[in-house]
Protein backbone atom coordinates (compact mmCIF):
# COMPACT_ATOMS: atom_id res chain seq x y z
CA MET A 1 9.58 9.62 -21.85
CA VAL A 2 11.06 10.59 -18.53
CA LEU A 3 8.98 13.02 -16.50
CA THR A 4 10.82 16.08 -14.82
CA LYS A 5 10.78 16.73 -11.06
CA GLN A 6 8.52 19.52 -11.92
CA GLU A 7 6.13 17.48 -14.04
CA LEU A 8 6.03 14.70 -11.20
CA LYS A 9 5.21 17.48 -8.62
CA GLU A 10 2.32 18.64 -10.95
CA VAL A 11 0.89 15.06 -10.96
CA GLU A 12 1.27 14.94 -7.18
CA ASN A 13 -0.74 18.07 -6.80
CA THR A 14 -3.40 16.84 -9.30
CA PHE A 15 -3.76 13.78 -7.14
CA ILE A 16 -4.07 15.98 -3.98
CA GLY A 17 -6.76 18.16 -5.44
CA LEU A 18 -8.81 15.18 -6.77
CA LEU A 19 -8.48 13.40 -3.53
CA LYS A 20 -9.52 16.46 -1.31
CA SER A 21 -12.27 17.91 -3.24
CA GLU A 22 -13.99 14.76 -4.82
CA ILE A 23 -13.05 11.19 -3.75
CA GLY A 24 -12.36 11.83 -0.13
CA PRO A 25 -15.88 13.40 0.69
CA LEU A 26 -17.44 10.67 -1.34
CA ILE A 27 -15.87 7.80 0.66
CA LYS A 28 -16.38 9.48 4.02
CA SER A 29 -20.08 9.95 3.23
CA TYR A 30 -20.76 6.24 2.38
CA THR A 31 -18.68 4.43 4.93
CA GLY A 32 -20.39 2.25 7.23
CA THR A 33 -23.83 2.45 5.68
CA ASN A 34 -24.27 -0.79 4.17
CA PHE A 35 -24.95 -2.82 7.40
CA HIS A 36 -28.49 -3.39 6.21
CA SER A 37 -27.10 -5.75 3.52
CA TYR A 38 -25.36 -8.07 5.79
CA ASP A 39 -28.31 -10.53 5.61
CA ASP A 40 -27.55 -11.02 1.99
CA LYS A 41 -23.68 -11.20 1.48
CA SER A 42 -23.92 -10.91 -2.26
CA ASN A 43 -25.98 -7.63 -2.06
CA GLY A 44 -23.45 -6.19 0.31
CA VAL A 45 -20.56 -6.94 -1.80
CA ASP A 46 -22.25 -5.73 -5.05
CA LEU A 47 -23.00 -2.36 -3.24
CA VAL A 48 -19.39 -1.92 -2.39
CA THR A 49 -18.25 -2.89 -5.77
CA ALA A 50 -20.55 -0.47 -7.51
CA LEU A 51 -19.16 2.35 -5.48
CA ASP A 52 -15.60 1.11 -6.18
CA LYS A 53 -16.42 1.34 -9.91
CA GLN A 54 -17.89 4.52 -9.65
CA ILE A 55 -14.94 6.24 -7.77
CA GLU A 56 -12.39 4.40 -10.19
CA SER A 57 -14.28 5.76 -13.35
CA LEU A 58 -14.34 9.23 -11.84
CA ILE A 59 -10.65 9.22 -11.05
CA LYS A 60 -9.93 7.86 -14.57
CA SER A 61 -11.93 10.41 -16.18
CA VAL A 62 -10.10 13.25 -14.41
CA LEU A 63 -6.64 12.01 -15.02
CA SER A 64 -7.29 10.84 -18.59
CA SER A 65 -8.65 14.35 -19.44
CA LYS A 66 -5.58 16.00 -18.13
CA TYR A 67 -2.95 13.40 -19.13
CA PRO A 68 -4.35 11.73 -22.11
CA SER A 69 -0.97 10.03 -23.17
CA PHE A 70 -0.56 8.18 -19.76
CA LYS A 71 -1.77 4.63 -19.34
CA PHE A 72 -4.20 3.64 -16.49
CA ILE A 73 -4.50 0.47 -14.29
CA GLY A 74 -7.19 0.27 -11.80
CA GLU A 75 -8.29 -2.50 -9.45
CA GLU A 76 -11.77 -2.61 -10.84
CA THR A 77 -10.90 -2.59 -14.48
CA TYR A 78 -7.79 -4.98 -14.18
CA VAL A 79 -7.99 -8.00 -16.36
CA LYS A 80 -5.87 -10.91 -15.46
CA GLY A 81 -3.35 -11.98 -18.19
CA ALA A 82 -4.26 -8.92 -20.11
CA THR A 83 -3.38 -5.91 -18.05
CA ILE A 84 0.48 -5.46 -17.65
CA ILE A 85 2.71 -2.69 -16.43
CA THR A 86 4.99 -1.24 -19.06
CA ASN A 87 7.54 1.42 -19.13
CA ASP A 88 5.17 3.99 -20.24
CA PRO A 89 3.88 6.53 -17.42
CA THR A 90 1.04 4.68 -16.06
CA PHE A 91 -1.53 5.56 -13.28
CA ILE A 92 -2.11 2.71 -10.77
CA VAL A 93 -5.19 3.37 -8.70
CA ASP A 94 -7.05 1.70 -5.86
CA PRO A 95 -10.46 3.48 -5.48
CA ILE A 96 -11.00 1.96 -1.93
CA ASP A 97 -8.15 0.18 -0.11
CA GLY A 98 -9.46 -1.39 3.14
CA THR A 99 -12.94 -2.34 1.51
CA THR A 100 -13.86 -4.47 4.83
CA ASN A 101 -13.13 -1.44 7.01
CA PHE A 102 -15.12 0.61 4.79
CA ILE A 103 -18.10 -1.79 5.12
CA HIS A 104 -17.82 -1.73 8.83
CA GLY A 105 -17.29 1.79 9.34
CA TYR A 106 -13.59 1.27 10.62
CA PRO A 107 -11.86 4.50 9.96
CA TYR A 108 -8.97 2.91 8.01
CA SER A 109 -10.11 3.02 4.32
CA CYS A 110 -8.46 5.27 1.87
CA THR A 111 -7.92 6.16 -1.80
CA SER A 112 -4.58 5.28 -3.22
CA LEU A 113 -3.23 7.09 -6.40
CA GLY A 114 0.08 5.99 -7.95
CA LEU A 115 1.88 6.89 -11.04
CA ALA A 116 4.66 4.53 -12.34
CA GLU A 117 7.26 5.21 -15.04
CA MET A 118 9.74 2.64 -16.42
CA GLY A 119 7.82 0.23 -14.16
CA ARG A 120 8.84 2.21 -10.93
CA PRO A 121 6.67 4.24 -8.49
CA VAL A 122 7.33 7.89 -9.03
CA VAL A 123 4.23 9.57 -7.51
CA GLY A 124 1.98 8.59 -4.80
CA ALA A 125 -0.91 10.13 -2.85
CA ILE A 126 -2.95 8.09 -0.23
CA PHE A 127 -6.03 9.89 1.47
CA ASN A 128 -7.85 8.55 4.63
CA PRO A 129 -10.75 11.05 4.76
CA HIS A 130 -11.86 9.43 8.09
CA LEU A 131 -8.63 10.55 10.06
CA ASP A 132 -7.90 13.55 7.68
CA GLN A 133 -4.55 11.97 6.83
CA LEU A 134 -3.19 12.82 3.22
CA PHE A 135 0.30 11.23 2.61
CA HIS A 136 1.89 12.12 -0.69
CA ALA A 137 5.13 12.22 -2.54
CA SER A 138 6.85 12.41 -5.85
CA LYS A 139 10.39 11.30 -6.89
CA GLY A 140 13.09 13.75 -5.92
CA ASN A 141 10.59 16.00 -4.21
CA GLY A 142 10.16 14.51 -0.72
CA ALA A 143 7.42 12.95 1.24
CA PHE A 144 4.49 14.84 3.18
CA LEU A 145 1.71 14.16 5.61
CA ASN A 146 -0.96 16.99 5.12
CA ASP A 147 1.82 19.29 3.54
CA GLN A 148 4.28 18.70 6.31
CA ASP A 149 7.63 17.10 5.69
CA ILE A 150 7.99 13.46 6.77
CA ASN A 151 11.01 13.27 9.01
CA VAL A 152 11.40 9.97 10.65
CA THR A 153 13.23 10.04 14.06
CA LYS A 154 16.62 8.75 13.78
CA ARG A 155 16.90 5.66 15.87
CA PRO A 156 18.35 2.21 15.66
CA LEU A 157 16.35 -0.38 13.54
CA ILE A 158 16.51 -3.88 15.22
CA LEU A 159 14.06 -6.62 14.57
CA GLN A 160 13.70 -7.74 18.04
CA LYS A 161 12.83 -4.12 18.97
CA SER A 162 10.44 -3.42 16.14
CA LEU A 163 6.67 -2.85 15.62
CA ILE A 164 5.52 -4.63 12.51
CA ALA A 165 2.34 -4.48 10.55
CA LEU A 166 0.96 -7.94 9.52
CA GLU A 167 -2.34 -8.83 7.89
CA GLY A 168 -4.58 -12.03 7.84
CA GLY A 169 -5.54 -11.24 4.29
CA SER A 170 -8.51 -12.65 2.36
CA GLU A 171 -7.02 -15.88 1.27
CA ARG A 172 -7.66 -18.45 4.11
CA THR A 173 -7.30 -21.85 2.31
CA GLU A 174 -5.41 -24.16 4.77
CA GLY A 175 -2.80 -26.87 4.07
CA SER A 176 1.00 -27.30 4.52
CA GLN A 177 1.61 -25.80 1.09
CA ALA A 178 -1.07 -22.94 1.44
CA ASN A 179 -0.05 -19.29 1.59
CA PHE A 180 -2.35 -18.85 4.60
CA ASP A 181 -0.59 -21.54 6.69
CA LYS A 182 2.87 -20.13 5.54
CA LYS A 183 1.57 -16.51 6.69
CA MET A 184 0.42 -17.70 10.00
CA ASN A 185 3.72 -19.71 10.69
CA THR A 186 5.77 -16.56 9.72
CA TYR A 187 3.74 -14.48 12.26
CA LYS A 188 4.38 -17.10 14.88
CA ASN A 189 8.08 -17.03 14.14
CA LEU A 190 8.15 -13.28 14.39
CA LEU A 191 6.12 -13.23 17.65
CA ARG A 192 7.32 -15.98 19.71
CA GLU A 193 9.94 -15.67 22.34
CA SER A 194 12.07 -18.39 20.61
CA GLY A 195 11.84 -16.52 17.39
CA ALA A 196 12.27 -13.00 16.53
CA PHE A 197 10.23 -11.99 19.66
CA VAL A 198 9.32 -8.50 18.01
CA HIS A 199 7.73 -5.95 20.21
CA GLY A 200 4.65 -6.65 18.67
CA PHE A 201 2.25 -6.42 15.58
CA ARG A 202 -0.43 -4.02 14.28
CA SER A 203 -3.14 -4.32 11.50
CA THR A 204 -4.89 -1.42 9.90
CA GLY A 205 -6.59 -3.55 7.32
CA SER A 206 -5.27 -1.47 4.49
CA ALA A 207 -1.97 -2.21 2.78
CA ALA A 208 -1.67 1.40 1.67
CA MET A 209 -2.23 2.67 5.22
CA ASN A 210 0.32 0.22 6.43
CA ILE A 211 2.97 1.27 4.22
CA CYS A 212 2.28 4.92 4.94
CA TYR A 213 2.82 4.28 8.62
CA VAL A 214 6.05 2.56 7.94
CA ALA A 215 6.91 5.59 5.85
CA SER A 216 6.25 7.97 8.51
CA GLY A 217 8.02 5.85 11.10
CA MET A 218 5.08 4.81 13.45
CA LEU A 219 5.80 1.28 12.22
CA ASP A 220 9.22 -0.32 11.64
CA ALA A 221 8.08 -2.60 8.94
CA TYR A 222 5.30 -4.23 7.10
CA TRP A 223 5.32 -7.73 5.47
CA GLU A 224 2.53 -8.88 3.21
CA GLY A 225 1.64 -11.49 0.57
CA GLY A 226 -1.24 -11.14 -1.75
CA CYS A 227 -1.12 -7.50 -2.35
CA TRP A 228 -1.45 -6.10 -6.00
CA ALA A 229 0.41 -3.40 -7.65
CA TRP A 230 -2.50 -0.84 -6.95
CA ASP A 231 -2.22 -1.62 -3.25
CA VAL A 232 1.49 -0.62 -3.08
CA CYS A 233 2.33 1.68 -5.95
CA ALA A 234 1.42 4.86 -4.14
CA GLY A 235 2.88 3.87 -0.72
CA TRP A 236 6.05 2.61 -2.25
CA CYS A 237 6.95 6.13 -3.61
CA ILE A 238 5.97 7.83 -0.28
CA LEU A 239 8.06 5.29 1.57
CA GLN A 240 11.12 5.63 -0.61
CA GLU A 241 10.96 9.55 -0.47
CA ALA A 242 10.94 9.31 3.39
CA GLY A 243 14.09 7.14 3.37
CA GLY A 244 12.63 3.78 3.63
CA ILE A 245 12.94 0.89 1.34
CA MET A 246 10.65 -1.71 -0.31
CA VAL A 247 12.20 -5.26 -0.84
CA GLY A 248 10.68 -8.61 -1.51
CA GLY A 249 8.94 -10.68 1.15
CA ILE A 250 11.33 -13.62 0.44
CA ARG A 251 15.05 -13.95 1.20
CA GLY A 252 17.39 -12.28 -1.12
CA GLU A 253 14.71 -10.35 -3.09
CA TRP A 254 16.28 -6.73 -3.13
CA ASP A 255 15.09 -5.41 -6.31
CA ILE A 256 11.48 -6.42 -7.01
CA PRO A 257 8.79 -5.26 -9.80
CA LEU A 258 5.66 -3.58 -8.75
CA ASN A 259 3.50 -6.67 -9.09
CA ARG A 260 5.79 -8.91 -7.07
CA ARG A 261 2.82 -9.65 -4.75
CA CYS A 262 4.93 -10.21 -1.88
CA TYR A 263 6.47 -7.11 -0.15
CA LEU A 264 8.54 -6.06 2.84
CA ALA A 265 8.42 -2.42 3.61
CA ILE A 266 11.08 -1.06 5.93
CA ARG A 267 11.22 2.54 7.52
CA GLY A 268 13.96 5.12 7.18
CA GLY A 269 15.44 6.98 10.10
CA CYS A 270 18.44 4.89 9.69
CA ASP A 271 21.21 3.81 7.45
CA GLN A 272 20.99 1.56 4.59
CA ILE A 273 23.31 -0.94 6.30
CA GLU A 274 20.77 -1.17 9.15
CA GLN A 275 17.88 -1.66 6.63
CA LYS A 276 19.76 -4.37 4.92
CA GLN A 277 20.43 -6.16 8.11
CA PHE A 278 16.81 -5.82 9.21
CA ALA A 279 15.61 -7.37 6.06
CA GLU A 280 18.17 -10.42 6.05
CA SER A 281 17.21 -10.97 9.83
CA PHE A 282 13.46 -10.75 8.93
CA TRP A 283 13.62 -13.17 6.02
CA THR A 284 15.04 -15.89 8.34
CA HIS A 285 11.72 -16.03 9.98
CA VAL A 286 9.60 -16.39 6.79
CA ALA A 287 8.01 -19.79 6.80
CA GLY A 288 8.29 -20.80 3.01
CA GLU A 289 7.77 -18.93 -0.32
CA LEU A 290 4.40 -17.40 -0.90
CA LYS A 291 3.03 -18.25 -4.43
CA TYR A 292 0.55 -16.27 -6.29
């Protein structure tokens, strides 16, 4: 089964309607309301998880009703070792990306709705209701921010002159072979004067938002390890439709699966040769392979 451009656009519009009418208002109304639970960490986590599950259940109900033959993978219903991405049309969903932001009331949490076919992202919609930013795209139909075409300004893509999204992540175990130390050493390599000496880095606390900002050209790249398919599926489609590319976070990984868990998103607004040279230059500063 290969969906047509028209069918993909229909899914995109379904995503948009669901995000605007139901999911966005729900997230916006609950963000930053759990401060009272900070005295008991488990309660705070349980409250957020309950809302995550509620939103995911709502999304699954709506999408399964309209597209009963499509498969569904969500962060809250994922089962390690059992949930796999096949070639079938599959919704890949993150009900709240940027959960820590959501708890604190920091306005960078969003819902990420993606569709994959043949293991590749083909539709994506990401809505940050706090900033009223709705990014959306489908394969062959272009990329949009609030229904306006995303047109990345044409300009050179050079590592030393780049602004890059980086994240601390939730995995903080230290040690010479730990992913955390490899990530921190990579950040040092990118930032220090004797390394890549990039212009700077930014962190939204949301993989989906980081990818969208690369897609729109506000950021030049985003490097991350530890993400899951639901963190990147929707953004990946938006990025590609805006002229950007997604490659692996490790040297030489040009063609990666959705669940690779280590990614490098690179903006458009330049030619493919520049993107390739940027990736190769970036990889020289990665301080070891991240293993998940």
